[in-house]
N, C-alpha and C. Protein backbone atom coordinates (compact mmCIF):
# COMPACT_ATOMS: atom_id res chain seq x y z
N UNK A 1 -30.89 -45.40 -0.92
CA UNK A 1 -31.90 -44.16 -0.79
C UNK A 1 -30.67 -43.44 -1.14
N UNK A 2 -31.28 -42.73 -2.53
CA UNK A 2 -30.74 -41.65 -3.69
C UNK A 2 -31.06 -40.82 -2.44
N UNK A 3 -30.11 -39.57 -2.67
CA UNK A 3 -30.16 -38.21 -1.69
C UNK A 3 -29.85 -36.88 -2.88
N UNK A 4 -30.78 -36.50 -3.40
CA UNK A 4 -30.83 -35.90 -4.59
C UNK A 4 -30.25 -34.28 -4.39
N UNK A 5 -30.15 -33.47 -2.87
CA UNK A 5 -29.56 -32.94 -3.24
C UNK A 5 -27.92 -33.14 -2.94
N UNK A 6 -27.21 -34.37 -2.91
CA UNK A 6 -26.22 -34.05 -3.56
C UNK A 6 -25.61 -34.54 -4.83
N UNK A 7 -26.51 -34.55 -5.64
CA UNK A 7 -26.50 -33.73 -7.70
C UNK A 7 -26.85 -33.22 -7.68
N UNK A 8 -27.76 -32.37 -7.02
CA UNK A 8 -28.03 -30.63 -6.85
C UNK A 8 -26.59 -30.10 -7.08
N UNK A 9 -25.55 -30.49 -5.51
CA UNK A 9 -24.56 -30.27 -5.44
C UNK A 9 -23.92 -30.39 -6.71
N UNK A 10 -23.63 -30.96 -6.77
CA UNK A 10 -22.53 -31.53 -7.99
C UNK A 10 -22.49 -30.16 -9.09
N UNK A 11 -24.18 -30.62 -9.55
CA UNK A 11 -24.14 -29.48 -10.81
C UNK A 11 -23.76 -28.03 -11.01
N UNK A 12 -24.07 -27.88 -8.93
CA UNK A 12 -23.92 -25.98 -9.07
C UNK A 12 -22.30 -26.35 -8.80
N UNK A 13 -21.65 -27.16 -8.35
CA UNK A 13 -20.12 -26.30 -8.73
C UNK A 13 -19.54 -26.94 -10.16
N UNK A 14 -20.50 -27.38 -10.95
CA UNK A 14 -20.26 -27.60 -12.21
C UNK A 14 -20.38 -26.42 -13.15
N UNK A 15 -21.78 -25.95 -12.50
CA UNK A 15 -21.97 -24.78 -13.08
C UNK A 15 -21.85 -23.63 -12.22
N UNK A 16 -20.69 -23.36 -11.58
CA UNK A 16 -20.07 -22.40 -10.69
C UNK A 16 -18.62 -22.31 -11.98
N UNK A 17 -18.55 -23.47 -11.89
CA UNK A 17 -16.96 -22.96 -12.91
C UNK A 17 -17.26 -22.26 -14.25
N UNK A 18 -18.65 -22.15 -14.81
CA UNK A 18 -18.59 -21.28 -16.28
C UNK A 18 -19.29 -20.00 -15.68
N UNK A 19 -18.64 -19.34 -16.49
CA UNK A 19 -19.60 -17.98 -15.71
C UNK A 19 -20.25 -17.27 -16.46
N UNK A 20 -20.94 -17.02 -15.47
CA UNK A 20 -22.38 -16.19 -16.05
C UNK A 20 -22.01 -14.92 -17.29
N UNK A 21 -21.01 -14.77 -16.82
CA UNK A 21 -20.98 -13.03 -17.58
C UNK A 21 -19.57 -13.59 -18.53
N UNK A 22 -19.38 -12.55 -19.39
CA UNK A 22 -18.10 -12.93 -19.64
C UNK A 22 -17.23 -11.62 -19.78
N UNK A 23 -17.39 -10.60 -18.89
CA UNK A 23 -17.37 -9.20 -18.61
C UNK A 23 -16.22 -9.16 -17.91
N UNK A 24 -14.33 -9.24 -18.29
CA UNK A 24 -13.78 -9.05 -17.82
C UNK A 24 -12.80 -7.97 -17.42
N UNK A 25 -13.79 -6.92 -16.93
CA UNK A 25 -13.77 -5.89 -16.55
C UNK A 25 -14.26 -5.95 -15.87
N UNK A 26 -15.22 -6.87 -14.52
CA UNK A 26 -15.43 -6.96 -13.87
C UNK A 26 -14.83 -7.71 -12.63
N UNK A 27 -14.68 -7.26 -11.31
CA UNK A 27 -13.77 -7.99 -10.06
C UNK A 27 -14.85 -9.25 -9.90
N UNK A 28 -14.45 -9.97 -9.98
CA UNK A 28 -14.75 -11.49 -9.42
C UNK A 28 -13.71 -12.16 -8.46
N UNK A 29 -14.61 -12.96 -7.54
CA UNK A 29 -13.71 -14.55 -7.25
C UNK A 29 -13.12 -15.23 -7.61
N UNK A 30 -12.37 -15.69 -7.80
CA UNK A 30 -11.82 -16.78 -8.57
C UNK A 30 -12.88 -18.02 -8.11
N UNK A 31 -13.08 -18.35 -6.56
CA UNK A 31 -13.44 -19.27 -5.92
C UNK A 31 -14.27 -18.58 -4.81
N UNK A 32 -15.03 -19.97 -3.94
CA UNK A 32 -15.73 -19.58 -3.75
C UNK A 32 -15.93 -19.23 -2.05
N UNK A 33 -15.97 -18.92 -0.77
CA UNK A 33 -15.96 -18.06 0.26
C UNK A 33 -15.81 -19.71 0.91
N UNK A 34 -14.83 -19.83 1.50
CA UNK A 34 -14.48 -21.15 2.62
C UNK A 34 -15.14 -21.19 3.63
N UNK A 35 -15.99 -22.96 3.63
CA UNK A 35 -16.74 -22.89 5.22
C UNK A 35 -16.64 -21.96 6.49
N UNK A 36 -14.88 -21.92 6.73
CA UNK A 36 -14.90 -21.20 7.89
C UNK A 36 -15.05 -19.48 7.94
N UNK A 37 -15.09 -19.58 6.66
CA UNK A 37 -15.37 -18.15 6.44
C UNK A 37 -16.89 -17.55 6.92
N UNK A 38 -17.50 -18.71 6.08
CA UNK A 38 -19.22 -18.68 5.77
C UNK A 38 -19.71 -18.57 7.09
N UNK A 39 -19.11 -20.14 8.21
CA UNK A 39 -19.43 -20.05 9.55
C UNK A 39 -19.52 -19.12 10.03
N UNK A 40 -18.20 -18.40 9.76
CA UNK A 40 -17.58 -17.12 11.16
C UNK A 40 -19.04 -15.92 10.40
N UNK A 41 -19.11 -15.85 9.73
CA UNK A 41 -20.17 -14.81 9.24
C UNK A 41 -21.66 -15.08 9.80
N UNK A 42 -22.45 -16.52 9.45
CA UNK A 42 -23.15 -17.10 9.90
C UNK A 42 -23.70 -16.73 11.48
N UNK A 43 -22.21 -17.12 11.85
CA UNK A 43 -22.36 -16.95 13.58
C UNK A 43 -22.77 -15.69 14.11
N UNK A 44 -21.83 -14.14 12.99
CA UNK A 44 -21.51 -12.70 13.43
C UNK A 44 -23.07 -12.53 13.75
N UNK A 45 -24.04 -13.54 12.28
CA UNK A 45 -25.28 -12.67 11.83
C UNK A 45 -26.30 -12.72 13.32
N UNK A 46 -26.14 -14.21 13.54
CA UNK A 46 -26.51 -14.84 14.31
C UNK A 46 -26.76 -14.61 16.10
N UNK A 47 -26.12 -13.99 16.15
CA UNK A 47 -25.65 -13.06 17.31
C UNK A 47 -26.16 -11.38 16.89
N UNK A 48 -25.69 -10.89 15.65
CA UNK A 48 -26.59 -9.64 15.77
C UNK A 48 -27.90 -9.65 15.85
N UNK A 49 -28.75 -11.02 15.26
CA UNK A 49 -30.26 -11.60 15.22
C UNK A 49 -30.61 -10.99 16.47
N UNK A 50 -29.81 -11.55 17.16
CA UNK A 50 -30.23 -11.81 19.22
C UNK A 50 -30.10 -10.20 19.55
N UNK A 51 -29.22 -8.95 18.90
CA UNK A 51 -28.93 -8.23 19.69
C UNK A 51 -30.02 -7.15 19.06
N UNK A 52 -30.25 -7.49 17.77
CA UNK A 52 -31.34 -6.25 17.17
C UNK A 52 -32.68 -6.77 18.24
N UNK A 53 -33.15 -7.57 18.40
CA UNK A 53 -34.63 -8.77 18.71
C UNK A 53 -34.64 -7.29 20.17
N UNK A 54 -33.16 -7.53 21.22
CA UNK A 54 -33.26 -7.23 22.50
C UNK A 54 -32.89 -5.51 22.10
N UNK A 55 -32.54 -4.74 21.30
CA UNK A 55 -33.07 -3.58 20.39
C UNK A 55 -34.48 -3.37 20.61
N UNK A 56 -34.83 -4.34 19.93
CA UNK A 56 -36.88 -4.03 19.90
C UNK A 56 -37.15 -3.92 21.50
N UNK A 57 -36.83 -4.56 21.89
CA UNK A 57 -37.41 -5.09 23.91
C UNK A 57 -37.25 -3.67 24.46
N UNK A 58 -35.84 -3.00 23.95
CA UNK A 58 -35.36 -1.78 24.62
C UNK A 58 -35.88 -1.34 23.98
N UNK A 59 -36.46 -0.79 22.98
CA UNK A 59 -37.24 0.39 22.63
C UNK A 59 -38.66 0.49 23.37
N UNK A 60 -39.13 -0.50 23.16
CA UNK A 60 -40.23 -0.77 23.63
C UNK A 60 -40.10 -0.39 25.04
N UNK A 61 -39.19 -1.19 26.24
CA UNK A 61 -39.83 -0.58 27.82
C UNK A 61 -38.56 -0.07 28.15
N UNK A 62 -37.26 0.35 27.59
CA UNK A 62 -36.87 1.41 27.37
C UNK A 62 -36.63 2.97 27.02
N UNK A 63 -35.01 3.53 27.23
CA UNK A 63 -35.01 4.50 26.90
C UNK A 63 -34.55 4.60 24.96
N UNK A 64 -35.34 5.94 24.30
CA UNK A 64 -34.85 5.96 23.15
C UNK A 64 -33.19 5.69 22.48
N UNK A 65 -32.14 6.13 23.68
CA UNK A 65 -31.30 5.95 23.46
C UNK A 65 -30.26 4.93 23.83
N UNK A 66 -30.81 4.45 24.58
CA UNK A 66 -30.23 3.08 25.15
C UNK A 66 -30.59 2.11 23.96
N UNK A 67 -32.01 2.26 23.29
CA UNK A 67 -32.14 0.90 22.08
C UNK A 67 -30.94 1.66 21.34
N UNK A 68 -31.44 3.07 20.42
CA UNK A 68 -30.43 3.47 19.55
C UNK A 68 -29.03 2.70 19.75
N UNK A 69 -28.20 3.37 21.05
CA UNK A 69 -27.43 2.39 21.05
C UNK A 69 -27.58 1.04 20.97
N UNK A 70 -28.06 -0.19 21.12
CA UNK A 70 -27.68 -0.86 21.20
C UNK A 70 -28.21 -1.70 19.01
N UNK A 71 -28.89 -1.20 19.03
CA UNK A 71 -28.91 -1.06 16.96
C UNK A 71 -28.11 -0.82 16.61
N UNK A 72 -27.21 0.13 16.96
CA UNK A 72 -25.70 0.28 16.44
C UNK A 72 -24.42 -0.56 16.49
N UNK A 73 -25.02 -1.54 17.35
CA UNK A 73 -23.98 -2.66 18.28
C UNK A 73 -24.56 -3.62 16.94
N UNK A 74 -26.23 -3.76 17.31
CA UNK A 74 -26.07 -4.63 15.98
C UNK A 74 -25.37 -4.14 14.39
N UNK A 75 -25.91 -3.28 14.01
CA UNK A 75 -25.60 -2.70 12.36
C UNK A 75 -23.71 -3.27 11.99
N UNK A 76 -23.18 -2.83 13.30
CA UNK A 76 -22.08 -2.74 13.19
C UNK A 76 -21.59 -4.68 13.50
N UNK A 77 -22.32 -5.30 13.94
CA UNK A 77 -22.12 -6.99 13.80
C UNK A 77 -22.35 -6.89 11.88
N UNK A 78 -23.60 -6.47 11.67
CA UNK A 78 -24.14 -7.23 10.49
C UNK A 78 -22.96 -6.49 9.11
N UNK A 79 -22.18 -5.17 9.76
CA UNK A 79 -21.11 -5.13 8.97
C UNK A 79 -20.38 -5.65 8.84
N UNK A 80 -19.63 -6.29 9.79
CA UNK A 80 -18.47 -6.85 10.39
C UNK A 80 -18.98 -7.82 10.23
N UNK A 81 -20.02 -8.62 9.57
CA UNK A 81 -20.09 -9.94 8.75
C UNK A 81 -19.83 -9.93 7.46
N UNK A 82 -20.65 -8.78 6.85
CA UNK A 82 -20.80 -8.68 4.87
C UNK A 82 -18.98 -8.32 4.85
N UNK A 83 -18.49 -7.90 5.82
CA UNK A 83 -17.44 -7.06 5.23
C UNK A 83 -16.11 -8.57 5.06
N UNK A 84 -16.12 -9.65 6.32
CA UNK A 84 -16.14 -11.03 6.76
C UNK A 84 -16.52 -11.35 5.13
N UNK A 85 -17.00 -11.29 4.44
CA UNK A 85 -17.32 -12.74 3.14
C UNK A 85 -17.08 -12.41 2.62
N UNK A 86 -16.98 -10.73 2.26
CA UNK A 86 -16.52 -10.23 0.92
C UNK A 86 -14.69 -9.91 1.17
N UNK A 87 -14.17 -10.72 1.81
CA UNK A 87 -12.37 -10.42 2.12
C UNK A 87 -11.63 -12.08 1.01
N UNK A 88 -11.21 -11.50 0.68
CA UNK A 88 -10.31 -12.18 -0.32
C UNK A 88 -9.82 -11.59 -1.67
N UNK A 89 -9.03 -12.46 -2.18
CA UNK A 89 -8.92 -12.13 -3.29
C UNK A 89 -9.94 -11.92 -5.09
N UNK A 90 -9.42 -10.65 -4.97
CA UNK A 90 -10.72 -10.18 -6.53
C UNK A 90 -9.58 -10.52 -8.05
N UNK A 91 -10.04 -10.67 -8.94
CA UNK A 91 -9.65 -10.30 -10.32
C UNK A 91 -10.42 -9.98 -11.70
N UNK A 92 -9.81 -9.24 -12.18
CA UNK A 92 -10.42 -8.77 -13.50
C UNK A 92 -8.98 -8.08 -14.57
N UNK A 93 -9.60 -7.45 -15.28
CA UNK A 93 -8.88 -7.10 -16.78
C UNK A 93 -7.78 -6.08 -16.19
N UNK A 94 -8.01 -4.80 -15.03
CA UNK A 94 -7.31 -4.70 -14.65
C UNK A 94 -6.63 -4.74 -13.74
N UNK A 95 -6.26 -5.45 -13.15
CA UNK A 95 -5.98 -6.25 -11.88
C UNK A 95 -6.33 -7.13 -10.83
N UNK A 96 -5.02 -7.24 -9.41
CA UNK A 96 -5.53 -8.58 -8.54
C UNK A 96 -6.07 -6.93 -7.34
N UNK A 97 -6.80 -7.84 -6.97
CA UNK A 97 -7.20 -6.85 -5.37
C UNK A 97 -7.22 -7.45 -4.48
N UNK A 98 -6.91 -7.31 -3.83
CA UNK A 98 -6.62 -8.34 -2.52
C UNK A 98 -7.69 -7.39 -1.62
N UNK A 99 -8.87 -7.83 -0.85
CA UNK A 99 -9.65 -6.95 0.12
C UNK A 99 -9.39 -7.66 1.42
N UNK A 100 -9.21 -6.18 1.86
CA UNK A 100 -9.18 -6.80 3.83
C UNK A 100 -9.91 -7.14 4.52
N UNK A 101 -9.66 -7.01 5.82
CA UNK A 101 -10.99 -6.23 6.22
C UNK A 101 -11.15 -4.74 6.56
N UNK A 102 -9.51 -4.60 6.41
CA UNK A 102 -9.54 -2.96 6.87
C UNK A 102 -9.24 -1.98 5.74
N UNK A 103 -8.76 -3.12 4.71
CA UNK A 103 -8.78 -2.21 3.70
C UNK A 103 -8.76 -2.55 2.28
N UNK A 104 -8.37 -2.20 1.00
CA UNK A 104 -8.44 -3.03 -0.12
C UNK A 104 -7.09 -2.62 -0.78
N UNK A 105 -6.23 -3.29 -1.40
CA UNK A 105 -5.60 -2.74 -2.61
C UNK A 105 -5.27 -3.60 -4.02
N UNK A 106 -5.32 -2.78 -4.70
CA UNK A 106 -5.36 -3.15 -5.90
C UNK A 106 -4.33 -3.17 -6.56
N UNK A 107 -3.43 -3.99 -7.45
CA UNK A 107 -2.18 -4.27 -8.32
C UNK A 107 -2.34 -4.38 -9.88
N UNK A 108 -2.16 -3.50 -10.53
CA UNK A 108 -2.44 -3.14 -11.52
C UNK A 108 -2.00 -4.24 -12.48
N UNK A 109 -2.32 -4.95 -13.15
CA UNK A 109 -1.24 -6.49 -14.32
C UNK A 109 0.05 -5.65 -14.52
N UNK A 110 -0.07 -4.58 -15.10
CA UNK A 110 1.55 -3.78 -15.17
C UNK A 110 2.30 -3.33 -14.56
N UNK A 111 2.10 -3.76 -13.12
CA UNK A 111 2.85 -3.80 -11.91
C UNK A 111 3.18 -5.57 -11.69
N UNK A 112 2.55 -5.95 -11.98
CA UNK A 112 3.06 -7.25 -11.83
C UNK A 112 3.63 -8.36 -12.53
N UNK A 113 4.93 -9.39 -12.22
CA UNK A 113 5.77 -9.58 -12.96
C UNK A 113 5.67 -11.05 -12.91
N UNK A 114 5.23 -12.03 -11.83
CA UNK A 114 4.68 -13.04 -12.24
C UNK A 114 3.40 -13.77 -10.73
N UNK A 115 2.81 -14.47 -10.77
CA UNK A 115 2.01 -14.28 -9.79
C UNK A 115 2.47 -16.68 -9.42
N UNK A 116 2.91 -16.74 -8.26
CA UNK A 116 3.14 -18.27 -8.64
C UNK A 116 3.32 -19.18 -7.05
N UNK A 117 2.71 -20.52 -7.59
CA UNK A 117 2.40 -20.42 -6.06
C UNK A 117 4.13 -21.19 -5.11
N UNK A 118 4.26 -21.22 -3.94
CA UNK A 118 5.27 -21.48 -3.35
C UNK A 118 5.15 -22.64 -2.11
N UNK A 119 5.81 -23.23 -1.57
CA UNK A 119 5.60 -24.17 -0.42
C UNK A 119 6.61 -22.97 0.56
N UNK A 120 6.19 -23.06 1.82
CA UNK A 120 6.34 -21.42 2.65
C UNK A 120 5.28 -21.89 4.01
N UNK A 121 6.31 -20.96 5.12
CA UNK A 121 5.25 -21.03 6.25
C UNK A 121 3.97 -20.27 6.00
N UNK A 122 2.93 -20.30 6.31
CA UNK A 122 2.57 -19.42 6.22
C UNK A 122 1.40 -19.11 7.21
N UNK A 123 0.50 -18.43 7.79
CA UNK A 123 0.17 -17.53 9.12
C UNK A 123 -1.33 -18.44 8.56
N UNK A 124 -1.63 -18.69 10.16
CA UNK A 124 -2.24 -20.27 10.22
C UNK A 124 -4.29 -19.54 10.56
N UNK A 125 -4.63 -19.21 9.51
CA UNK A 125 -6.11 -18.56 9.72
C UNK A 125 -5.56 -16.60 10.08
N UNK A 126 -4.34 -16.57 9.80
CA UNK A 126 -4.28 -14.87 10.15
C UNK A 126 -3.97 -14.57 11.24
N UNK A 127 -3.95 -15.41 12.32
CA UNK A 127 -2.90 -15.01 12.91
C UNK A 127 -1.46 -15.92 13.23
N UNK A 128 -0.90 -14.81 14.05
CA UNK A 128 0.50 -15.05 14.61
C UNK A 128 1.92 -16.44 13.90
N UNK A 129 0.95 -17.33 14.89
CA UNK A 129 1.15 -18.76 14.60
C UNK A 129 1.55 -19.22 12.98
N UNK A 130 2.60 -20.04 12.69
CA UNK A 130 3.07 -20.32 11.14
C UNK A 130 3.15 -21.86 11.28
N UNK A 131 2.65 -22.11 10.14
CA UNK A 131 2.46 -23.57 9.66
C UNK A 131 2.95 -23.70 8.19
N UNK A 132 4.16 -24.93 8.00
CA UNK A 132 4.30 -25.41 6.70
C UNK A 132 2.61 -25.44 5.71
N UNK A 133 2.62 -24.67 4.68
CA UNK A 133 1.71 -24.78 3.66
C UNK A 133 2.31 -24.36 2.28
N UNK A 134 0.86 -24.18 1.06
CA UNK A 134 1.39 -23.74 0.37
C UNK A 134 0.57 -22.17 0.43
N UNK A 135 1.11 -20.81 -0.50
CA UNK A 135 1.37 -19.64 -0.55
C UNK A 135 1.27 -19.60 -2.42
N UNK A 136 -0.11 -18.55 -2.56
CA UNK A 136 0.03 -18.04 -3.57
C UNK A 136 0.96 -16.19 -4.14
N UNK A 137 1.95 -16.60 -4.78
CA UNK A 137 2.73 -14.75 -4.56
C UNK A 137 2.61 -13.95 -5.10
N UNK A 138 2.68 -12.73 -5.22
CA UNK A 138 2.63 -11.90 -6.35
C UNK A 138 3.95 -11.28 -6.14
N UNK A 139 4.33 -11.10 -7.64
CA UNK A 139 6.13 -10.85 -7.49
C UNK A 139 6.01 -9.40 -8.63
N UNK A 140 6.16 -8.02 -7.78
CA UNK A 140 6.11 -7.35 -8.51
C UNK A 140 7.07 -6.39 -9.22
N UNK A 141 6.97 -5.43 -10.04
CA UNK A 141 7.98 -5.10 -11.17
C UNK A 141 9.17 -4.28 -9.99
N UNK A 142 8.49 -3.57 -9.61
CA UNK A 142 9.03 -2.62 -8.01
C UNK A 142 9.48 -3.39 -7.17
N UNK A 143 10.55 -3.38 -6.59
CA UNK A 143 10.56 -4.16 -5.25
C UNK A 143 10.54 -2.88 -4.54
N UNK A 144 9.25 -3.25 -3.58
CA UNK A 144 9.31 -2.56 -2.24
C UNK A 144 9.97 -2.38 -1.04
N UNK A 145 9.88 -1.65 0.02
CA UNK A 145 10.76 -2.36 1.26
C UNK A 145 10.29 -3.65 1.58
N UNK A 146 9.38 -4.31 2.18
CA UNK A 146 9.13 -5.28 2.47
C UNK A 146 8.32 -6.10 1.29
N UNK A 147 8.06 -7.38 1.53
CA UNK A 147 7.64 -8.72 0.46
C UNK A 147 6.04 -7.92 0.81
N UNK A 148 5.36 -7.99 -0.02
CA UNK A 148 3.56 -8.52 0.06
C UNK A 148 3.29 -9.52 0.86
N UNK A 149 2.44 -9.38 1.63
CA UNK A 149 1.81 -10.87 2.15
C UNK A 149 1.08 -11.63 1.31
N UNK A 150 0.69 -13.19 1.15
CA UNK A 150 0.41 -13.95 0.42
C UNK A 150 -0.57 -13.93 -0.24
N UNK A 151 -0.63 -13.72 -1.69
CA UNK A 151 -2.55 -13.54 -2.38
C UNK A 151 -3.26 -14.96 -1.03
N UNK A 152 -3.12 -16.01 -1.32
CA UNK A 152 -3.68 -16.92 -0.79
C UNK A 152 -2.96 -18.28 -0.44
N UNK A 153 -3.32 -18.67 0.61
CA UNK A 153 -2.50 -19.24 1.49
C UNK A 153 -3.56 -20.65 1.55
N UNK A 154 -3.08 -22.01 1.97
CA UNK A 154 -3.66 -23.55 2.11
C UNK A 154 -4.24 -23.05 3.26
N UNK A 155 -3.73 -22.17 4.64
CA UNK A 155 -4.17 -22.19 6.05
C UNK A 155 -5.43 -20.98 5.86
N UNK A 156 -5.83 -20.08 5.07
CA UNK A 156 -6.71 -19.51 6.09
C UNK A 156 -7.97 -19.56 5.81
N UNK A 157 -9.42 -18.79 5.47
CA UNK A 157 -10.11 -19.38 6.26
C UNK A 157 -11.25 -19.71 5.71
N UNK A 158 -10.70 -19.52 3.72
CA UNK A 158 -11.13 -19.80 2.82
C UNK A 158 -10.35 -21.25 2.32
N UNK A 159 -9.34 -21.97 2.52
CA UNK A 159 -8.98 -23.29 2.01
C UNK A 159 -8.57 -23.91 3.08
N UNK A 160 -8.55 -23.54 4.17
CA UNK A 160 -8.30 -25.11 5.76
C UNK A 160 -9.01 -25.91 5.20
N UNK A 161 -8.09 -26.89 4.60
CA UNK A 161 -9.15 -28.42 4.84
C UNK A 161 -9.70 -28.27 2.88
N UNK A 162 -9.24 -27.40 2.33
CA UNK A 162 -9.57 -28.11 1.43
C UNK A 162 -8.38 -27.24 0.01
N UNK A 163 -7.54 -28.15 0.20
CA UNK A 163 -6.82 -27.59 -0.69
C UNK A 163 -6.93 -28.15 -2.13
N UNK A 164 -7.84 -29.22 -2.64
CA UNK A 164 -8.46 -28.86 -4.38
C UNK A 164 -8.77 -27.51 -4.85
N UNK A 165 -9.78 -26.70 -3.96
CA UNK A 165 -10.09 -25.80 -3.49
C UNK A 165 -8.80 -24.86 -4.07
N UNK A 166 -7.86 -24.92 -3.14
CA UNK A 166 -6.27 -23.52 -3.38
C UNK A 166 -6.04 -23.69 -4.24
N UNK A 167 -5.67 -24.89 -4.90
CA UNK A 167 -5.40 -25.48 -5.82
C UNK A 167 -5.81 -25.01 -7.62
N UNK A 168 -7.08 -25.32 -7.16
CA UNK A 168 -8.53 -24.65 -7.61
C UNK A 168 -7.74 -22.96 -8.59
N UNK A 169 -8.00 -22.44 -7.13
CA UNK A 169 -7.82 -20.81 -7.14
C UNK A 169 -6.71 -20.05 -7.15
N UNK A 170 -5.32 -20.94 -6.80
CA UNK A 170 -4.30 -19.98 -7.46
C UNK A 170 -3.68 -20.78 -8.86
N UNK A 171 -4.78 -21.31 -9.77
CA UNK A 171 -4.49 -21.93 -11.04
C UNK A 171 -5.43 -20.62 -12.12
N UNK A 172 -6.59 -20.81 -10.90
CA UNK A 172 -7.12 -19.56 -11.95
C UNK A 172 -6.19 -18.18 -11.66
N UNK A 173 -6.21 -17.89 -10.92
CA UNK A 173 -5.54 -17.12 -10.48
C UNK A 173 -4.00 -16.79 -11.74
N UNK A 174 -3.17 -17.69 -11.37
CA UNK A 174 -1.55 -17.50 -12.02
C UNK A 174 -2.62 -17.55 -14.36
N UNK A 175 -3.66 -18.37 -14.18
CA UNK A 175 -4.23 -18.10 -15.94
C UNK A 175 -4.30 -16.80 -15.86
N UNK A 176 -5.32 -15.87 -14.99
CA UNK A 176 -4.95 -14.02 -15.24
C UNK A 176 -4.11 -13.83 -15.64
N UNK A 177 -3.11 -13.55 -14.43
CA UNK A 177 -1.75 -13.21 -14.76
C UNK A 177 -1.12 -14.04 -16.06
N UNK A 178 -1.22 -14.95 -16.38
CA UNK A 178 -0.40 -15.31 -17.99
C UNK A 178 -1.00 -14.52 -19.26
N UNK A 179 -2.37 -14.93 -18.94
CA UNK A 179 -2.99 -13.32 -20.27
C UNK A 179 -3.19 -12.15 -19.88
N UNK A 180 -2.74 -11.84 -18.46
CA UNK A 180 -2.63 -10.30 -18.65
C UNK A 180 -1.12 -9.99 -18.60
N UNK A 181 -0.28 -10.59 -17.98
CA UNK A 181 0.56 -10.10 -17.84
C UNK A 181 2.38 -10.15 -18.91
N UNK A 182 1.36 -10.44 -20.51
CA UNK A 182 2.23 -10.33 -21.57
C UNK A 182 2.60 -9.28 -21.56
N UNK A 183 3.92 -9.50 -21.33
CA UNK A 183 4.02 -7.75 -22.42
C UNK A 183 5.40 -8.06 -23.29
């Protein structure tokens, strides 16, 4: 039995490799968000929808202040899910941007000496537990007091169980670095 949705998925993967725009000034993520990240955000949005429904019920039967509190809680859940989806590494002709949950750090290409892949202990899902894996490491010209965390790892929410995707993303970021770090 033919499964047309499988061929459509392969076509979309091939189309994803070809960028729809050639603007190198625009920030772009060189990989797709992983299933763990998307699944977590989807569950959070599902929970937020139930909380929004509860806010409507409370608004109809309870006090407006209680409904406003529950509505605020639901909106925090939506913002949290959107921030989860936005996390990751973004590149442009201006540099590398690491978007975290609470903050964003941009490193211009002029401050970068190398971007390389290394085998090392990496954090599993960002938790304190470490496992052996690969990491994409950013080497800067100015040596800070502490080494920056890896850009990408094989055990984060985007690449856990998807080593081919990690390799493609690491190669893409390394290619951007090779193009813009030439001085």
